[in-house]
Amino acid sequence: MIDKISPSIAHALSHVRDGSTVLIGGFGTAGVPNELVDGLIEQGARDLTVVNNNAGNGEHGVAALLKAGRVRKIICSFPRQADSHVFDALYRRGDIELELVPQGNLAERLRAAGAGVGAFYTPTGFGTELARNADGSAKETRIIDGKPYVLEYPIHGDVALIKAETGDRWGNLRFRKAARNFGPVMATAARRTIATVHEIVELGELDPETIVTPGIFVSSIVRIDRVATQAGGFRQQA
């Protein structure tokens, strides 16, 4: 019987190893699997390469992982914002490597990994520093129909950590509004995908037409509670 429901976050994260590439869903603070990130800090894996849309907010989630000294390199689109002081300090000291990727390219590089695309050409970044590799060498370019393009390669992950709304024991997932963001493409781009959900339903209760991420792309799911706060919002509790 296929049952991808994990008894705990610690159990779900037990396969993560030092040096792994970890894809972490989220756009700003929407859809970030904070409970999984906190669990990863407790789990202890080090020397990680993290792929996320930004480099963390405040000292929570991805920023907490950076502050714990677990990340060697981050691949993201928006490393600096008003509350990115953790990343700023690490980068200025030379304690973390940054690969800056335009947001559309980031999404497409992840999608390409899941789709089995070996590489693709994009006009974004042509003629800028983003058209150079980490060692300073120029990326391959090409003129197609009179327009210049840059060759980009897929981003594959060892594990993806994503936040969904509803799932079943086969790992089929639905998302809530903007929390969907990078989760679906990251799930297809990783060898293992771990998702938190607020509700686990019986098989057949999810309308197949509403399933965003099929269970074939999901390794395990963990249910987390949603608890009201005094401010009238919500926080998630493992």
Foldseek 3Di string as FASTA:
>chain_A
DQFQADPDLLRQCVPDAAAFEEEFEDDQPFWGLQVNQVSVLVNPHAQYEYEYAEQDFACGRNNVCLQSHRYAEYEHAHHDDPGNVSSVVCVVVVRHHYQHDHPVRQLVLLLCLLVVNAKDWDLPPPPHQNQADPVGHGADWDADPNGITGIDGHDAGQEYETEAAEEERLQFGAHDPPSPPSVQSNLSRHPEYEYEYQYYDYPPPDDPVRGRHGSVSHNHYYYWHWDADPVRDTDTGD
